Amino acid sequence: MKISLGSDHAGYRYKEKIKELLPSLGHEVVDFGTDSEDPVDYPKFIRPAAEAVAKGECDRGIVLGGSGNGEAMAANKVRGIRCALCWNEETARLSRQHNDANVLSLGERVISEEMALNIVRVWLTTDFEGGRHANRIAQLEL
C-alpha cells in the first residue's frame, strides 16, 4: 500500500519512526511533513496527507500530533476521509473492522512509541468486515 504521512511538531518523532517501519512491512511512504520539531500549525500538513487518500493518490494515511485529536479533526474535514484516533491495538482493529478507517491518528504525547508502532501494524493488517457495517459507513457520506 501507499501510505501518506503528516504530522505537526509534536508528532514528528513518531512520524519518523513510522516512516522507517512502513517500508520494512512492504509499504510505500509519501511524507507530507513536517520536517522537524519546530512549532507549526498542524492543518498545513494533515490536510494534504488526508487529501492524498481522498483523491486515491494514497491507499491510507497516518497523521500524528501531541494528542492526535486536532489531527483527526483536520483529516475528517476532508470529504471521504474516515480518520480514527486510536490509542491501543483494540481501537485500531475496530476502526478498520467496523468503520473502514482510511486514516489513522496517533498522539505522541499520550502513547508510547512501542504502542504507536503496534497500532500501526494492527491497523494496516486488519480488513473491513463489511456486512452490517457497510450500510453505516454509507450513511456517513450523506
Protein backbone atom coordinates (compact mmCIF):
# COMPACT_ATOMS: atom_id res chain seq x y z
CA MET A 1 0.00 0.00 0.00
CA LYS A 2 0.97 3.60 -0.47
CA ILE A 3 0.65 5.42 2.87
CA SER A 4 0.54 9.20 3.33
CA LEU A 5 2.08 10.62 6.50
CA GLY A 6 1.54 14.01 8.08
CA SER A 7 2.38 15.44 11.48
CA ASP A 8 2.92 18.59 13.40
CA HIS A 9 5.99 19.19 15.56
CA ALA A 10 4.53 17.22 18.48
CA GLY A 11 4.13 14.09 16.34
CA TYR A 12 7.34 14.44 14.35
CA ARG A 13 9.44 11.84 16.23
CA TYR A 14 6.83 9.09 15.88
CA LYS A 15 6.22 10.02 12.25
CA GLU A 16 9.88 9.43 11.55
CA LYS A 17 9.77 6.04 13.34
CA ILE A 18 6.67 5.03 11.35
CA LYS A 19 8.36 6.22 8.16
CA GLU A 20 11.18 3.75 8.92
CA LEU A 21 8.76 0.92 9.75
CA LEU A 22 6.45 1.10 6.73
CA PRO A 23 8.94 0.09 4.00
CA SER A 24 10.02 -2.90 6.12
CA LEU A 25 6.37 -4.01 6.02
CA GLY A 26 6.24 -3.62 2.24
CA HIS A 27 4.56 -0.21 2.07
CA GLU A 28 5.46 2.92 0.15
CA VAL A 29 5.53 6.23 2.05
CA VAL A 30 4.54 9.72 0.94
CA ASP A 31 5.63 12.18 3.66
CA PHE A 32 3.76 15.49 3.76
CA GLY A 33 5.83 16.81 6.68
CA THR A 34 6.55 18.47 8.97
CA ASP A 35 10.30 18.01 8.83
CA SER A 36 11.37 18.96 12.36
CA GLU A 37 10.21 19.59 15.92
CA ASP A 38 9.95 23.34 15.26
CA PRO A 39 6.41 24.56 16.09
CA VAL A 40 3.99 24.52 13.14
CA ASP A 41 0.23 24.63 12.52
CA TYR A 42 -0.94 21.02 12.04
CA PRO A 43 -3.63 21.63 9.36
CA LYS A 44 -0.91 22.61 6.85
CA PHE A 45 0.46 19.05 7.00
CA ILE A 46 -2.57 16.97 7.91
CA ARG A 47 -4.94 18.21 5.20
CA PRO A 48 -2.62 17.34 2.28
CA ALA A 49 -2.00 13.87 3.76
CA ALA A 50 -5.76 13.29 4.03
CA GLU A 51 -6.46 14.75 0.58
CA ALA A 52 -3.98 12.31 -0.96
CA VAL A 53 -6.10 9.46 0.43
CA ALA A 54 -9.39 11.05 -0.62
CA LYS A 55 -8.08 11.56 -4.18
CA GLY A 56 -6.84 7.96 -4.40
CA GLU A 57 -3.19 9.02 -4.64
CA CYS A 58 -2.51 7.05 -1.45
CA ASP A 59 -4.33 3.98 -0.14
CA ARG A 60 -4.34 5.07 3.50
CA GLY A 61 -2.91 7.79 5.71
CA ILE A 62 -1.40 8.19 9.14
CA VAL A 63 -1.41 11.55 10.91
CA LEU A 64 0.23 12.46 14.20
CA GLY A 65 0.31 15.19 16.79
CA GLY A 66 0.58 15.65 20.53
CA SER A 67 -2.79 14.09 21.36
CA GLY A 68 -3.93 13.21 17.83
CA ASN A 69 -7.26 14.95 18.42
CA GLY A 70 -6.73 18.04 16.27
CA GLU A 71 -5.14 15.93 13.56
CA ALA A 72 -8.17 13.61 13.45
CA MET A 73 -10.48 16.63 13.28
CA ALA A 74 -8.47 18.19 10.45
CA ALA A 75 -8.36 14.94 8.46
CA ASN A 76 -12.09 14.34 8.93
CA LYS A 77 -12.86 17.71 7.33
CA VAL A 78 -11.83 16.15 4.00
CA ARG A 79 -14.77 14.53 2.22
CA GLY A 80 -14.34 10.77 2.01
CA ILE A 81 -11.97 10.50 4.95
CA ARG A 82 -12.77 8.34 7.95
CA CYS A 83 -9.99 9.16 10.37
CA ALA A 84 -9.84 7.23 13.64
CA LEU A 85 -7.95 8.38 16.71
CA CYS A 86 -6.50 5.20 18.21
CA TRP A 87 -4.71 4.64 21.50
CA ASN A 88 -4.32 0.85 21.63
CA GLU A 89 -4.44 -2.20 19.37
CA GLU A 90 -8.14 -2.83 20.02
CA THR A 91 -9.24 0.65 18.92
CA ALA A 92 -7.07 0.25 15.81
CA ARG A 93 -8.58 -3.15 15.00
CA LEU A 94 -12.15 -1.94 15.48
CA SER A 95 -11.55 1.23 13.46
CA ARG A 96 -10.74 -0.97 10.48
CA GLN A 97 -13.21 -3.83 11.04
CA HIS A 98 -16.25 -1.72 11.83
CA ASN A 99 -15.50 1.75 10.44
CA ASP A 100 -13.23 1.08 7.45
CA ALA A 101 -10.98 3.89 8.69
CA ASN A 102 -8.75 5.09 5.88
CA VAL A 103 -6.68 7.46 8.04
CA LEU A 104 -5.19 6.72 11.45
CA SER A 105 -4.46 9.45 14.01
CA LEU A 106 -1.94 8.96 16.81
CA GLY A 107 -0.87 11.14 19.74
CA GLU A 108 2.83 11.11 20.56
CA ARG A 109 2.31 12.65 24.00
CA VAL A 110 -0.27 10.09 25.14
CA ILE A 111 1.03 6.69 23.98
CA SER A 112 4.42 5.01 23.99
CA GLU A 113 6.47 4.61 20.84
CA GLU A 114 6.12 0.83 21.11
CA MET A 115 2.33 1.15 21.34
CA ALA A 116 2.24 3.52 18.35
CA LEU A 117 4.16 1.06 16.19
CA ASN A 118 1.96 -1.83 17.35
CA ILE A 119 -1.15 0.19 16.49
CA VAL A 120 0.20 0.88 13.01
CA ARG A 121 0.88 -2.83 12.43
CA VAL A 122 -2.60 -3.87 13.56
CA TRP A 123 -4.32 -1.08 11.63
CA LEU A 124 -2.53 -1.93 8.40
CA THR A 125 -3.28 -5.65 8.59
CA THR A 126 -6.93 -5.53 9.66
CA ASP A 127 -9.61 -5.78 6.98
CA PHE A 128 -13.01 -4.12 6.93
CA GLU A 129 -15.73 -6.65 7.83
CA GLY A 130 -18.40 -5.13 5.59
CA GLY A 131 -21.83 -6.62 6.23
CA ARG A 132 -23.90 -4.60 8.67
CA HIS A 133 -21.09 -2.05 8.90
CA ALA A 134 -21.18 -1.17 5.19
CA ASN A 135 -24.61 0.46 5.48
CA ARG A 136 -23.42 2.53 8.44
CA ILE A 137 -20.36 3.69 6.54
CA ALA A 138 -22.54 4.68 3.57
CA GLN A 139 -24.62 6.87 5.89
CA LEU A 140 -21.53 8.91 6.75
CA GLU A 141 -21.42 10.19 3.18
CA LEU A 142 -24.96 11.59 3.23
